[in-house]
N, C-alpha and C. Protein backbone atom coordinates (compact mmCIF):
# COMPACT_ATOMS: atom_id res chain seq x y z
N MET A 1 -16.71 3.15 -14.19
CA MET A 1 -16.58 2.53 -15.51
C MET A 1 -15.11 2.65 -15.93
N SER A 2 -14.57 1.57 -16.41
CA SER A 2 -13.15 1.58 -16.76
C SER A 2 -12.90 2.18 -18.15
N LYS A 3 -11.70 2.70 -18.31
CA LYS A 3 -11.30 3.23 -19.61
C LYS A 3 -11.27 2.11 -20.64
N ALA A 4 -10.94 0.89 -20.21
CA ALA A 4 -10.89 -0.25 -21.14
C ALA A 4 -12.28 -0.52 -21.73
N LYS A 5 -13.31 -0.49 -20.89
CA LYS A 5 -14.68 -0.69 -21.39
C LYS A 5 -15.07 0.44 -22.35
N PHE A 6 -14.71 1.66 -21.99
CA PHE A 6 -15.00 2.81 -22.84
C PHE A 6 -14.31 2.66 -24.19
N ASP A 7 -13.01 2.34 -24.16
CA ASP A 7 -12.25 2.18 -25.40
C ASP A 7 -12.85 1.10 -26.28
N LYS A 8 -13.29 -0.01 -25.67
CA LYS A 8 -13.90 -1.11 -26.42
C LYS A 8 -15.21 -0.62 -27.04
N ALA A 9 -16.01 0.11 -26.26
CA ALA A 9 -17.29 0.62 -26.77
C ALA A 9 -17.07 1.58 -27.93
N VAL A 10 -16.07 2.45 -27.82
CA VAL A 10 -15.75 3.39 -28.90
C VAL A 10 -15.38 2.62 -30.16
N ALA A 11 -14.55 1.59 -30.02
CA ALA A 11 -14.14 0.79 -31.17
C ALA A 11 -15.35 0.13 -31.84
N ILE A 12 -16.29 -0.35 -31.03
CA ILE A 12 -17.49 -0.99 -31.58
C ILE A 12 -18.34 0.02 -32.32
N VAL A 13 -18.59 1.17 -31.71
CA VAL A 13 -19.41 2.20 -32.35
C VAL A 13 -18.78 2.61 -33.68
N GLN A 14 -17.48 2.81 -33.70
CA GLN A 14 -16.80 3.24 -34.92
C GLN A 14 -16.78 2.16 -36.00
N SER A 15 -16.93 0.90 -35.59
CA SER A 15 -16.86 -0.19 -36.57
C SER A 15 -18.24 -0.62 -37.09
N LEU A 16 -19.30 -0.07 -36.52
CA LEU A 16 -20.64 -0.47 -36.97
C LEU A 16 -20.83 -0.08 -38.43
N PRO A 17 -21.24 -1.04 -39.28
CA PRO A 17 -21.44 -0.70 -40.69
C PRO A 17 -22.64 0.22 -40.87
N LYS A 18 -22.55 1.11 -41.85
CA LYS A 18 -23.60 2.10 -42.10
C LYS A 18 -24.95 1.44 -42.37
N GLU A 19 -24.94 0.28 -43.01
CA GLU A 19 -26.19 -0.39 -43.37
C GLU A 19 -26.40 -1.67 -42.56
N GLY A 20 -25.74 -1.80 -41.44
CA GLY A 20 -25.82 -3.03 -40.65
C GLY A 20 -27.10 -3.13 -39.83
N PRO A 21 -27.27 -4.24 -39.13
CA PRO A 21 -28.48 -4.46 -38.33
C PRO A 21 -28.53 -3.59 -37.07
N ILE A 22 -27.40 -3.12 -36.61
CA ILE A 22 -27.35 -2.28 -35.41
C ILE A 22 -27.17 -0.84 -35.87
N GLN A 23 -28.24 -0.06 -35.78
CA GLN A 23 -28.23 1.30 -36.29
C GLN A 23 -28.62 2.32 -35.21
N PRO A 24 -27.64 2.98 -34.60
CA PRO A 24 -28.01 4.05 -33.66
C PRO A 24 -28.72 5.18 -34.41
N SER A 25 -29.75 5.72 -33.80
CA SER A 25 -30.47 6.85 -34.40
C SER A 25 -29.57 8.08 -34.41
N GLN A 26 -30.01 9.14 -35.10
CA GLN A 26 -29.22 10.39 -35.11
C GLN A 26 -29.07 10.92 -33.69
N GLU A 27 -30.14 10.83 -32.91
CA GLU A 27 -30.10 11.29 -31.52
C GLU A 27 -29.09 10.49 -30.71
N GLU A 28 -29.06 9.18 -30.94
CA GLU A 28 -28.10 8.33 -30.23
C GLU A 28 -26.67 8.62 -30.69
N GLN A 29 -26.49 8.92 -31.96
CA GLN A 29 -25.16 9.27 -32.46
C GLN A 29 -24.66 10.56 -31.81
N LEU A 30 -25.56 11.52 -31.64
CA LEU A 30 -25.18 12.77 -30.95
C LEU A 30 -24.83 12.48 -29.49
N TYR A 31 -25.57 11.57 -28.88
CA TYR A 31 -25.32 11.16 -27.49
C TYR A 31 -23.89 10.61 -27.39
N PHE A 32 -23.55 9.69 -28.31
CA PHE A 32 -22.19 9.14 -28.30
C PHE A 32 -21.16 10.24 -28.51
N TYR A 33 -21.44 11.12 -29.44
CA TYR A 33 -20.51 12.21 -29.74
C TYR A 33 -20.24 13.06 -28.50
N LYS A 34 -21.30 13.51 -27.84
CA LYS A 34 -21.10 14.44 -26.73
C LYS A 34 -20.34 13.80 -25.57
N TYR A 35 -20.64 12.53 -25.28
CA TYR A 35 -19.93 11.89 -24.17
C TYR A 35 -18.52 11.47 -24.57
N TYR A 36 -18.31 11.17 -25.85
CA TYR A 36 -16.94 10.88 -26.32
C TYR A 36 -16.07 12.14 -26.16
N LYS A 37 -16.59 13.27 -26.64
CA LYS A 37 -15.84 14.52 -26.55
C LYS A 37 -15.58 14.90 -25.09
N GLN A 38 -16.60 14.74 -24.25
CA GLN A 38 -16.45 15.09 -22.84
C GLN A 38 -15.39 14.20 -22.18
N ALA A 39 -15.41 12.90 -22.53
CA ALA A 39 -14.46 11.95 -21.93
C ALA A 39 -13.04 12.17 -22.42
N THR A 40 -12.89 12.53 -23.69
CA THR A 40 -11.55 12.61 -24.28
C THR A 40 -10.96 14.02 -24.27
N VAL A 41 -11.82 15.06 -24.29
CA VAL A 41 -11.32 16.44 -24.36
C VAL A 41 -11.65 17.21 -23.08
N GLY A 42 -12.82 16.95 -22.51
CA GLY A 42 -13.29 17.71 -21.35
C GLY A 42 -14.33 18.71 -21.82
N ASP A 43 -14.50 19.78 -21.07
CA ASP A 43 -15.50 20.80 -21.41
C ASP A 43 -15.20 21.43 -22.77
N VAL A 44 -16.24 21.93 -23.40
CA VAL A 44 -16.12 22.57 -24.71
C VAL A 44 -15.00 23.61 -24.67
N ASN A 45 -14.13 23.55 -25.67
CA ASN A 45 -12.99 24.47 -25.71
C ASN A 45 -12.91 25.20 -27.05
N THR A 46 -14.02 25.24 -27.78
CA THR A 46 -14.07 25.92 -29.07
C THR A 46 -15.29 26.83 -29.10
N SER A 47 -15.31 27.76 -30.03
CA SER A 47 -16.48 28.62 -30.16
C SER A 47 -17.55 27.90 -30.98
N ARG A 48 -18.79 28.32 -30.80
CA ARG A 48 -19.91 27.69 -31.49
C ARG A 48 -19.80 27.93 -33.00
N PRO A 49 -20.02 26.88 -33.80
CA PRO A 49 -19.92 27.04 -35.26
C PRO A 49 -20.91 28.08 -35.81
N GLY A 50 -20.64 28.51 -37.02
CA GLY A 50 -21.44 29.55 -37.67
C GLY A 50 -22.86 29.15 -37.99
N LEU A 51 -23.61 30.12 -38.41
CA LEU A 51 -25.05 30.02 -38.66
C LEU A 51 -25.44 28.89 -39.60
N LEU A 52 -24.68 28.66 -40.65
CA LEU A 52 -25.08 27.68 -41.65
C LEU A 52 -24.49 26.29 -41.42
N ASP A 53 -23.69 26.13 -40.39
CA ASP A 53 -23.11 24.83 -40.06
C ASP A 53 -24.05 24.10 -39.09
N PHE A 54 -25.13 23.56 -39.64
CA PHE A 54 -26.17 22.95 -38.79
C PHE A 54 -25.66 21.72 -38.04
N VAL A 55 -24.90 20.88 -38.71
CA VAL A 55 -24.36 19.68 -38.06
C VAL A 55 -23.36 20.09 -36.97
N GLY A 56 -22.48 21.01 -37.31
CA GLY A 56 -21.49 21.47 -36.34
C GLY A 56 -22.14 22.08 -35.11
N LYS A 57 -23.19 22.87 -35.33
CA LYS A 57 -23.90 23.49 -34.19
C LYS A 57 -24.58 22.43 -33.34
N ALA A 58 -25.20 21.45 -33.97
CA ALA A 58 -25.87 20.38 -33.21
C ALA A 58 -24.87 19.62 -32.35
N LYS A 59 -23.71 19.32 -32.94
CA LYS A 59 -22.67 18.61 -32.19
C LYS A 59 -22.13 19.46 -31.06
N TRP A 60 -21.87 20.75 -31.35
CA TRP A 60 -21.34 21.66 -30.33
C TRP A 60 -22.35 21.81 -29.18
N ASP A 61 -23.61 22.01 -29.54
CA ASP A 61 -24.66 22.17 -28.51
C ASP A 61 -24.79 20.91 -27.64
N ALA A 62 -24.70 19.75 -28.29
CA ALA A 62 -24.79 18.48 -27.53
C ALA A 62 -23.63 18.39 -26.55
N TRP A 63 -22.43 18.68 -27.03
CA TRP A 63 -21.24 18.62 -26.16
C TRP A 63 -21.36 19.64 -25.04
N LYS A 64 -21.79 20.84 -25.36
CA LYS A 64 -21.93 21.91 -24.36
C LYS A 64 -22.92 21.48 -23.26
N SER A 65 -23.94 20.69 -23.64
CA SER A 65 -24.99 20.28 -22.70
C SER A 65 -24.48 19.36 -21.59
N VAL A 66 -23.30 18.77 -21.77
CA VAL A 66 -22.76 17.88 -20.74
C VAL A 66 -21.53 18.49 -20.05
N GLU A 67 -21.36 19.80 -20.21
CA GLU A 67 -20.24 20.50 -19.59
C GLU A 67 -20.23 20.23 -18.09
N GLY A 68 -19.05 19.96 -17.56
CA GLY A 68 -18.92 19.70 -16.13
C GLY A 68 -19.02 18.23 -15.76
N THR A 69 -19.40 17.38 -16.72
CA THR A 69 -19.47 15.94 -16.47
C THR A 69 -18.05 15.40 -16.33
N SER A 70 -17.84 14.56 -15.33
CA SER A 70 -16.51 14.00 -15.12
C SER A 70 -16.18 12.99 -16.22
N THR A 71 -14.90 12.74 -16.39
CA THR A 71 -14.44 11.76 -17.37
C THR A 71 -15.05 10.40 -17.07
N GLU A 72 -15.02 9.99 -15.81
CA GLU A 72 -15.57 8.69 -15.42
C GLU A 72 -17.06 8.58 -15.75
N GLU A 73 -17.81 9.64 -15.45
CA GLU A 73 -19.24 9.62 -15.74
C GLU A 73 -19.49 9.59 -17.24
N ALA A 74 -18.68 10.30 -18.01
CA ALA A 74 -18.82 10.28 -19.47
C ALA A 74 -18.53 8.88 -20.02
N TYR A 75 -17.51 8.21 -19.48
CA TYR A 75 -17.24 6.82 -19.87
C TYR A 75 -18.49 5.97 -19.62
N ALA A 76 -19.04 6.09 -18.42
CA ALA A 76 -20.17 5.27 -18.01
C ALA A 76 -21.39 5.51 -18.90
N LYS A 77 -21.71 6.76 -19.16
CA LYS A 77 -22.89 7.09 -19.98
C LYS A 77 -22.72 6.54 -21.39
N TYR A 78 -21.54 6.66 -21.95
CA TYR A 78 -21.27 6.18 -23.30
C TYR A 78 -21.48 4.67 -23.38
N VAL A 79 -20.84 3.94 -22.44
CA VAL A 79 -20.90 2.48 -22.45
C VAL A 79 -22.33 2.00 -22.18
N GLU A 80 -23.01 2.62 -21.21
CA GLU A 80 -24.38 2.21 -20.88
C GLU A 80 -25.31 2.38 -22.08
N LYS A 81 -25.18 3.48 -22.82
CA LYS A 81 -26.02 3.72 -24.00
C LYS A 81 -25.76 2.67 -25.06
N LEU A 82 -24.48 2.34 -25.30
CA LEU A 82 -24.18 1.32 -26.30
C LEU A 82 -24.75 -0.03 -25.89
N LEU A 83 -24.59 -0.38 -24.62
CA LEU A 83 -25.14 -1.66 -24.14
C LEU A 83 -26.66 -1.70 -24.33
N GLU A 84 -27.32 -0.59 -24.06
CA GLU A 84 -28.77 -0.50 -24.24
C GLU A 84 -29.15 -0.76 -25.71
N ILE A 85 -28.44 -0.13 -26.63
CA ILE A 85 -28.71 -0.30 -28.07
C ILE A 85 -28.43 -1.74 -28.51
N LEU A 86 -27.32 -2.30 -28.04
CA LEU A 86 -26.96 -3.67 -28.41
C LEU A 86 -27.97 -4.68 -27.89
N LYS A 87 -28.41 -4.49 -26.66
CA LYS A 87 -29.40 -5.42 -26.08
C LYS A 87 -30.74 -5.30 -26.80
N ARG A 88 -31.07 -4.09 -27.23
CA ARG A 88 -32.32 -3.88 -27.97
C ARG A 88 -32.26 -4.57 -29.33
N ALA A 89 -31.08 -4.56 -29.96
CA ALA A 89 -30.92 -5.19 -31.28
C ALA A 89 -31.11 -6.71 -31.19
N ASP A 90 -30.61 -7.31 -30.12
CA ASP A 90 -30.78 -8.73 -29.84
C ASP A 90 -30.41 -9.63 -31.03
N THR A 91 -29.23 -9.40 -31.60
CA THR A 91 -28.73 -10.26 -32.68
C THR A 91 -27.50 -11.00 -32.16
N GLU A 92 -27.04 -11.96 -32.91
CA GLU A 92 -25.82 -12.68 -32.51
C GLU A 92 -24.64 -11.71 -32.43
N GLU A 93 -24.56 -10.82 -33.41
CA GLU A 93 -23.48 -9.84 -33.44
C GLU A 93 -23.53 -8.93 -32.21
N SER A 94 -24.72 -8.46 -31.87
CA SER A 94 -24.85 -7.56 -30.72
C SER A 94 -24.51 -8.28 -29.42
N LYS A 95 -24.88 -9.54 -29.31
CA LYS A 95 -24.55 -10.32 -28.10
C LYS A 95 -23.03 -10.49 -27.98
N LYS A 96 -22.36 -10.66 -29.12
CA LYS A 96 -20.90 -10.78 -29.13
C LYS A 96 -20.27 -9.47 -28.63
N TYR A 97 -20.81 -8.33 -29.11
CA TYR A 97 -20.28 -7.04 -28.68
C TYR A 97 -20.49 -6.81 -27.18
N VAL A 98 -21.67 -7.19 -26.67
CA VAL A 98 -21.96 -7.05 -25.24
C VAL A 98 -20.92 -7.84 -24.43
N ALA A 99 -20.65 -9.06 -24.86
CA ALA A 99 -19.68 -9.91 -24.16
C ALA A 99 -18.29 -9.28 -24.20
N GLU A 100 -17.92 -8.69 -25.34
CA GLU A 100 -16.60 -8.04 -25.47
C GLU A 100 -16.47 -6.86 -24.51
N ILE A 101 -17.54 -6.06 -24.41
CA ILE A 101 -17.50 -4.90 -23.51
C ILE A 101 -17.40 -5.37 -22.06
N GLU A 102 -18.22 -6.35 -21.71
CA GLU A 102 -18.23 -6.82 -20.32
C GLU A 102 -16.91 -7.47 -19.93
N ALA A 103 -16.20 -8.05 -20.91
CA ALA A 103 -14.91 -8.69 -20.64
C ALA A 103 -13.77 -7.67 -20.54
N ALA A 104 -13.97 -6.49 -21.06
CA ALA A 104 -12.90 -5.48 -21.10
C ALA A 104 -12.55 -4.97 -19.71
């Protein structure tokens, strides 16, 4: 999977409106987070957040769960998940995004 496709997918995920027709679930958002961090930073390099930081712990745990994944594989998993969500949405907007990713 190319970095260009990954970068395009990241831009699309970040631009999705909060109330738009394409809504990744919380689980899917964590999926994007963990593979984004793995692709851009590598293995977890911080300590686990404190007891009351529930969101921080969930994000840290998700990222930790993909430790050892290569950058290329993280790119691929991120892009494949977005394509799956976009194809499931089956809207004109989602079809446009699929075409943009495939062209990248």
